[in-house]
Amino acid sequence: GEGTYTNKIDNWSLGVILYICLVGYPPFDDEKHISLEKQIVQGMYDFPPQFWSGISRDAIDVIKRLMCI
């Protein structure tokens, strides 16, 4: 890619890792009808209630703030 490396890349990666640590699966899924690359580039992830109901709103907010596209 083009551009410069910034801490935004590290923040995004930390958000992905935190997401995985909290629920045990990654925010992006290569089995969906949308390509994995498109999901990542467009920030297409969600917080399904069946897995996230026990996770605090603050934790979800941190992930959302870290995983900015």
C-alpha atoms as a PDB file:
ATOM      1  CA  GLY A   1       0.000   0.000   0.000  1.00  0.00           C
ATOM      2  CA  GLU A   2       0.870   3.628  -0.180  1.00  0.00           C
ATOM      3  CA  GLY A   3       1.118   6.090   2.655  1.00  0.00           C
ATOM      4  CA  THR A   4       2.922   6.185   5.917  1.00  0.00           C
ATOM      5  CA  TYR A   5       2.757   3.917   8.898  1.00  0.00           C
ATOM      6  CA  THR A   6       1.066   5.488  11.911  1.00  0.00           C
ATOM      7  CA  ASN A   7      -0.087   4.348  15.332  1.00  0.00           C
ATOM      8  CA  LYS A   8      -3.611   4.087  13.888  1.00  0.00           C
ATOM      9  CA  ILE A   9      -2.576   0.755  12.419  1.00  0.00           C
ATOM     10  CA  ASP A  10      -1.482  -0.475  15.845  1.00  0.00           C
ATOM     11  CA  ASN A  11      -4.720   0.787  17.415  1.00  0.00           C
ATOM     12  CA  TRP A  12      -6.807  -1.032  14.818  1.00  0.00           C
ATOM     13  CA  SER A  13      -4.837  -4.245  15.405  1.00  0.00           C
ATOM     14  CA  LEU A  14      -5.287  -3.897  19.153  1.00  0.00           C
ATOM     15  CA  GLY A  15      -9.045  -3.571  18.610  1.00  0.00           C
ATOM     16  CA  VAL A  16      -9.079  -6.805  16.603  1.00  0.00           C
ATOM     17  CA  ILE A  17      -7.072  -8.613  19.284  1.00  0.00           C
ATOM     18  CA  LEU A  18      -9.333  -7.297  22.060  1.00  0.00           C
ATOM     19  CA  TYR A  19     -12.408  -8.395  20.094  1.00  0.00           C
ATOM     20  CA  ILE A  20     -10.977 -11.915  19.791  1.00  0.00           C
ATOM     21  CA  CYS A  21      -9.948 -12.046  23.461  1.00  0.00           C
ATOM     22  CA  LEU A  22     -13.431 -11.078  24.645  1.00  0.00           C
ATOM     23  CA  VAL A  23     -15.515 -13.486  22.567  1.00  0.00           C
ATOM     24  CA  GLY A  24     -13.109 -16.038  21.102  1.00  0.00           C
ATOM     25  CA  TYR A  25     -13.639 -15.400  17.397  1.00  0.00           C
ATOM     26  CA  PRO A  26     -12.409 -12.736  14.945  1.00  0.00           C
ATOM     27  CA  PRO A  27     -14.512  -9.760  13.854  1.00  0.00           C
ATOM     28  CA  PHE A  28     -14.150 -10.663  10.180  1.00  0.00           C
ATOM     29  CA  ASP A  29     -15.267 -13.932   8.608  1.00  0.00           C
ATOM     30  CA  ASP A  30     -14.045 -15.356   5.304  1.00  0.00           C
ATOM     31  CA  GLU A  31     -17.140 -17.556   5.084  1.00  0.00           C
ATOM     32  CA  LYS A  32     -19.515 -14.633   4.494  1.00  0.00           C
ATOM     33  CA  HIS A  33     -20.752 -13.670   1.025  1.00  0.00           C
ATOM     34  CA  ILE A  34     -18.573 -10.549   1.194  1.00  0.00           C
ATOM     35  CA  SER A  35     -14.822 -10.885   0.682  1.00  0.00           C
ATOM     36  CA  LEU A  36     -12.609 -10.745   3.742  1.00  0.00           C
ATOM     37  CA  GLU A  37     -10.720  -7.807   2.255  1.00  0.00           C
ATOM     38  CA  LYS A  38     -13.913  -5.793   1.721  1.00  0.00           C
ATOM     39  CA  GLN A  39     -15.079  -6.520   5.272  1.00  0.00           C
ATOM     40  CA  ILE A  40     -11.789  -5.215   6.658  1.00  0.00           C
ATOM     41  CA  VAL A  41     -11.477  -2.163   4.403  1.00  0.00           C
ATOM     42  CA  GLN A  42     -15.070  -1.114   5.041  1.00  0.00           C
ATOM     43  CA  GLY A  43     -15.066  -1.979   8.752  1.00  0.00           C
ATOM     44  CA  MET A  44     -17.870  -4.501   8.396  1.00  0.00           C
ATOM     45  CA  TYR A  45     -18.016  -6.142  11.800  1.00  0.00           C
ATOM     46  CA  ASP A  46     -20.733  -6.419  14.406  1.00  0.00           C
ATOM     47  CA  PHE A  47     -21.433  -7.460  17.968  1.00  0.00           C
ATOM     48  CA  PRO A  48     -24.014 -10.291  17.878  1.00  0.00           C
ATOM     49  CA  PRO A  49     -25.999 -10.202  21.133  1.00  0.00           C
ATOM     50  CA  GLN A  50     -25.773 -13.957  21.648  1.00  0.00           C
ATOM     51  CA  PHE A  51     -22.009 -13.532  22.183  1.00  0.00           C
ATOM     52  CA  TRP A  52     -21.761  -9.935  23.408  1.00  0.00           C
ATOM     53  CA  SER A  53     -24.596  -9.676  25.931  1.00  0.00           C
ATOM     54  CA  GLY A  54     -22.208 -10.317  28.831  1.00  0.00           C
ATOM     55  CA  ILE A  55     -19.627  -7.793  27.626  1.00  0.00           C
ATOM     56  CA  SER A  56     -19.803  -4.248  28.980  1.00  0.00           C
ATOM     57  CA  ARG A  57     -20.816  -1.317  26.797  1.00  0.00           C
ATOM     58  CA  ASP A  58     -17.516   0.309  27.748  1.00  0.00           C
ATOM     59  CA  ALA A  59     -15.523  -2.621  26.341  1.00  0.00           C
ATOM     60  CA  ILE A  60     -17.541  -2.537  23.120  1.00  0.00           C
ATOM     61  CA  ASP A  61     -17.017   1.230  22.900  1.00  0.00           C
ATOM     62  CA  VAL A  62     -13.233   0.775  23.251  1.00  0.00           C
ATOM     63  CA  ILE A  63     -13.234  -1.728  20.390  1.00  0.00           C
ATOM     64  CA  LYS A  64     -15.289   0.600  18.192  1.00  0.00           C
ATOM     65  CA  ARG A  65     -12.897   3.475  18.909  1.00  0.00           C
ATOM     66  CA  LEU A  66      -9.837   1.340  18.162  1.00  0.00           C
ATOM     67  CA  MET A  67     -11.197  -0.216  14.972  1.00  0.00           C
ATOM     68  CA  CYS A  68     -11.781   3.002  13.044  1.00  0.00           C
ATOM     69  CA  ILE A  69     -11.298   2.752   9.308  1.00  0.00           C
END
